[in-house]
Protein backbone atom coordinates (compact mmCIF):
# COMPACT_ATOMS: atom_id res chain seq x y z
CA MET A 1 0.00 0.00 0.00
CA ALA A 2 2.90 2.38 0.84
CA LYS A 3 4.49 1.72 -2.57
CA LEU A 4 1.16 2.45 -4.31
CA ILE A 5 0.77 5.76 -2.48
CA GLN A 6 4.37 6.74 -3.30
CA LEU A 7 3.76 5.81 -6.96
CA ILE A 8 0.71 8.09 -7.07
CA ILE A 9 2.69 10.95 -5.47
CA ASP A 10 5.61 10.54 -7.89
CA ASN A 11 3.29 10.52 -10.93
CA LYS A 12 0.55 12.87 -9.72
CA GLU A 13 1.07 15.29 -12.58
CA TRP A 14 0.48 12.54 -15.18
CA ILE A 15 -2.36 10.84 -13.29
CA PHE A 16 -4.36 14.02 -12.84
CA SER A 17 -3.66 15.37 -16.30
CA GLY A 18 -6.39 15.11 -18.93
CA ILE A 19 -5.19 11.85 -20.53
CA GLY A 20 -4.55 10.15 -17.18
CA VAL A 21 -8.07 10.87 -15.90
CA VAL A 22 -9.62 9.55 -19.11
CA ILE A 23 -7.64 6.29 -19.00
CA ILE A 24 -8.31 5.63 -15.29
CA ALA A 25 -12.02 6.45 -15.61
CA GLY A 26 -12.30 4.10 -18.60
CA ILE A 27 -10.66 1.23 -16.70
CA ILE A 28 -12.93 1.72 -13.66
CA ARG A 29 -16.08 1.92 -15.83
CA MET A 30 -15.09 -1.29 -17.70
CA ILE A 31 -14.52 -3.21 -14.44
CA PHE A 32 -17.81 -2.18 -12.83
CA SER A 33 -19.93 -2.61 -15.96
CA LYS A 34 -18.63 -6.17 -16.34
CA LYS A 35 -19.41 -6.91 -12.69
CA ILE A 36 -22.95 -5.48 -12.92
CA ARG A 37 -23.78 -7.47 -16.08
CA HIS A 38 -23.06 -10.73 -14.27
CA GLN A 39 -24.51 -9.83 -10.89
CA SER A 40 -27.86 -11.48 -10.20
CA ILE A 41 -29.14 -12.73 -6.87
CA LYS A 42 -31.56 -15.61 -6.49
CA SER A 43 -34.50 -14.65 -4.35
CA GLY A 44 -37.25 -16.66 -2.72
CA HIS A 45 -40.19 -18.24 -4.52
CA SER A 46 -38.24 -18.73 -7.80
CA SER A 47 -37.86 -15.00 -8.38
CA THR A 48 -34.62 -13.28 -9.42
CA ASN A 49 -33.23 -9.98 -8.10
CA ILE A 50 -31.19 -8.12 -10.76
CA GLN A 51 -28.80 -5.41 -9.58
CA ALA A 52 -29.14 -2.33 -11.76
CA GLY A 53 -26.39 0.16 -12.51
CA ASP A 54 -27.78 2.76 -10.13
CA GLY A 55 -27.65 0.37 -7.19
CA SER A 56 -31.39 -0.39 -7.17
CA THR A 57 -32.77 -3.93 -7.26
CA VAL A 58 -35.50 -5.12 -9.62
CA THR A 59 -37.35 -8.35 -8.79
CA VAL A 60 -38.46 -10.39 -11.78
CA LEU A 61 -41.17 -13.00 -11.21
CA PRO A 62 -41.51 -16.00 -13.52
CA ILE A 63 -44.73 -16.10 -15.52
CA SER A 64 -45.80 -19.34 -13.85
CA GLN A 65 -45.56 -17.92 -10.33
CA LYS A 66 -48.94 -17.41 -8.68
CA ILE A 67 -49.69 -14.12 -6.97
CA SER A 68 -50.88 -14.51 -3.38
CA SER A 69 -54.67 -14.81 -3.26
CA PRO A 70 -56.73 -12.39 -1.15
CA THR A 71 -57.33 -13.40 2.45
CA HIS A 72 -61.07 -12.79 2.11
CA ILE A 73 -62.79 -16.05 1.20
CA THR A 74 -66.20 -16.78 -0.25
CA ASN A 75 -67.46 -20.22 0.75
CA PRO A 76 -70.52 -21.79 -0.89
CA ILE A 77 -72.70 -23.39 1.80
CA ASN A 78 -74.64 -26.39 0.54
CA ILE A 79 -77.69 -27.24 2.61
CA ASP A 80 -77.96 -31.03 2.92
CA LYS A 81 -81.13 -33.14 2.68
CA LYS A 82 -81.75 -32.79 6.40
CA GLY A 83 -82.09 -29.04 5.95
CA GLY A 84 -79.01 -27.95 7.93
CA VAL A 85 -75.22 -27.82 7.88
CA ILE A 86 -72.50 -27.03 10.45
CA TYR A 87 -69.35 -25.25 9.24
CA LEU A 88 -66.12 -24.36 11.09
CA ALA A 89 -64.58 -21.10 9.87
CA HIS A 90 -61.04 -19.99 10.80
CA ILE A 91 -60.90 -16.18 10.51
CA ASN A 92 -58.01 -13.88 11.38
CA GLU A 93 -58.43 -10.68 13.34
CA GLY A 94 -59.36 -7.86 10.94
CA ASP A 95 -60.51 -10.29 8.27
CA TYR A 96 -63.85 -11.71 7.11
CA GLN A 97 -65.40 -14.60 5.21
CA GLU A 98 -68.55 -14.68 3.11
CA PHE A 99 -70.93 -17.64 2.85
CA ILE A 100 -73.39 -18.14 0.01
CA TRP A 101 -76.55 -19.41 1.64
CA GLY A 102 -79.24 -20.00 -0.98
CA ALA A 103 -80.08 -16.59 -2.43
CA SER A 104 -78.42 -14.75 0.47
CA THR A 105 -74.80 -13.97 1.35
CA VAL A 106 -73.73 -13.95 5.00
CA ARG A 107 -70.57 -12.01 5.84
CA VAL A 108 -68.82 -12.73 9.14
CA ALA A 109 -65.95 -10.46 10.21
CA ILE A 110 -63.62 -10.62 13.22
CA ASP A 111 -63.01 -7.00 14.21
CA GLU A 112 -60.93 -7.74 17.30
CA ILE A 113 -59.84 -10.55 19.61
CA VAL A 114 -59.92 -9.59 23.30
CA LYS A 115 -59.39 -10.98 26.77
CA GLU A 116 -61.59 -9.61 29.52
CA LYS A 117 -64.21 -10.50 32.11
CA PHE A 118 -67.49 -11.84 30.73
CA TYR A 119 -70.73 -12.55 32.55
CA PHE A 120 -71.75 -16.20 32.22
CA SER A 121 -75.33 -17.08 33.06
CA ARG A 122 -74.35 -20.63 34.04
CA LEU A 123 -71.92 -19.29 36.66
CA LEU A 124 -74.19 -16.42 37.70
CA GLY A 125 -71.07 -14.30 37.69
CA GLU A 126 -68.03 -13.12 35.76
CA LYS A 127 -65.08 -15.06 34.44
CA GLU A 128 -62.02 -13.83 32.53
CA THR A 129 -61.57 -15.46 29.16
CA HIS A 130 -60.97 -14.67 25.50
CA GLY A 131 -63.64 -13.41 23.16
CA ALA A 132 -64.08 -11.86 19.74
CA ILE A 133 -65.92 -8.83 18.39
CA VAL A 134 -67.91 -10.32 15.52
CA ASP A 135 -69.60 -8.19 12.86
CA ILE A 136 -72.29 -10.04 10.87
CA SER A 137 -74.23 -9.08 7.76
CA THR A 138 -77.08 -11.26 6.52
CA GLY A 139 -78.15 -9.05 3.63
CA GLY A 140 -80.32 -6.59 5.55
CA GLY A 141 -81.83 -8.58 8.42
CA LEU A 142 -81.14 -8.06 12.12
CA VAL A 143 -78.88 -10.32 14.18
CA TYR A 144 -79.63 -11.13 17.83
CA GLY A 145 -77.34 -12.21 20.65
CA GLY A 146 -77.58 -14.65 23.53
CA SER A 147 -77.60 -13.52 27.16
CA ASP A 148 -73.81 -13.83 27.56
CA CYS A 149 -73.00 -11.79 24.40
CA LYS A 150 -72.44 -8.04 24.56
CA LYS A 151 -74.04 -5.92 21.85
CA ILE A 152 -71.52 -3.43 20.45
CA GLY A 153 -73.56 -2.02 17.55
CA VAL A 154 -76.03 -3.03 14.88
CA ASN A 155 -75.32 -6.72 14.12
CA LYS A 156 -72.02 -6.45 16.02
CA TYR A 157 -71.42 -8.44 19.22
CA LEU A 158 -68.63 -9.23 21.64
CA ILE A 159 -68.94 -13.01 21.93
CA PRO A 160 -67.13 -14.93 24.70
CA LEU A 161 -65.32 -18.17 24.00
CA ASN A 162 -67.78 -21.05 24.51
CA GLU A 163 -65.43 -22.94 26.83
CA MET A 164 -68.20 -24.32 29.05
CA ASP A 165 -70.15 -25.89 26.18
CA ASP A 166 -73.12 -23.61 26.82
CA GLU A 167 -74.16 -22.88 23.26
CA GLU A 168 -77.35 -20.82 23.49
CA PRO A 169 -76.15 -17.94 25.76
CA CYS A 170 -72.87 -17.62 23.79
CA SER A 171 -74.46 -17.61 20.32
CA VAL A 172 -75.49 -14.90 17.90
CA TYR A 173 -78.30 -15.76 15.52
CA ALA A 174 -80.68 -14.59 12.79
CA TYR A 175 -83.81 -16.16 11.33
CA HIS A 176 -86.67 -15.58 8.93
CA VAL A 177 -90.04 -17.28 8.90
CA SER A 178 -92.58 -17.21 6.09
CA LYS A 179 -95.65 -19.30 5.23
CA THR A 180 -93.57 -21.72 3.15
CA TYR A 181 -90.01 -21.77 4.54
CA PHE A 182 -87.81 -21.18 7.60
CA ASP A 183 -84.21 -19.88 7.44
CA PHE A 184 -81.97 -19.91 10.50
CA PHE A 185 -78.34 -18.95 11.13
CA ARG A 186 -76.26 -18.99 14.31
CA VAL A 187 -72.59 -18.61 15.24
CA TYR A 188 -70.49 -18.98 18.38
CA VAL A 189 -66.76 -18.79 19.13
CA ASP A 190 -65.40 -22.34 19.34
CA HIS A 191 -61.67 -21.59 19.73
CA ILE A 192 -59.30 -18.62 19.86
CA ASN A 193 -55.58 -18.54 19.08
CA PRO A 194 -54.45 -15.37 20.91
CA HIS A 195 -50.91 -15.53 19.54
CA GLY A 196 -51.96 -16.10 15.91
CA ARG A 197 -54.86 -13.61 16.35
CA ARG A 198 -57.31 -16.11 14.84
CA ALA A 199 -60.78 -17.26 15.91
CA THR A 200 -62.52 -20.50 14.99
CA LEU A 201 -66.25 -19.96 14.59
CA ASN A 202 -68.90 -22.67 14.67
CA LEU A 203 -71.61 -21.70 12.17
CA PHE A 204 -74.95 -23.42 11.63
CA PHE A 205 -77.18 -22.84 8.61
CA ALA A 206 -80.72 -24.23 8.31
CA ASP A 207 -83.11 -23.98 5.38
CA ILE A 208 -86.45 -25.74 5.74
CA ARG A 209 -88.88 -25.58 2.81
CA ASN A 210 -92.43 -26.68 2.10
CA ILE A 211 -93.72 -25.73 5.56
CA LYS A 212 -97.37 -26.63 6.03
CA SER A 213 -99.62 -24.24 7.87
CA SER A 214 -102.56 -25.51 9.94
């Protein structure tokens, strides 16, 4: 290194003259351009990161790579011959799922997962446990809550985890009765993953047709 510095000092007039600057700049440009042309970095998911001349990185995805699908899911609910079906839905906090139920669409959203004291009618008192603020849309109808659910707003309830297997007080439901059919929907919180911020909901759909009136 000392010899290189001394060489630069001894030849500073030539190095910093017009021709010296041109030659040195050309050598540096040739070295770096060659390095950049061959510099590519493999990235995850079969993509390739290419280093551009200005130092930025451009990620190129192969045509066959699938883009991540939206987290919102639409699930068709098929009513069986008995007139009812039970469905377990795993929904993250801040997310929702939609269920096609005959001619209607039911949207169930988890606004927030909480841990606090809930009143349980079976205990005749409070108990601390997890729960979820669930926002439900049935296409215009009202949703009602059991005695242990807290109403937050229109069709929005704070539902405690049904850890004592007491379904009715911990459920939120909606129904419609006409002269020829009966539709019923209910949901309760079956499990909560507080670390993954995910709730498992137990949903029940019923659709009974050809009702006879007396």
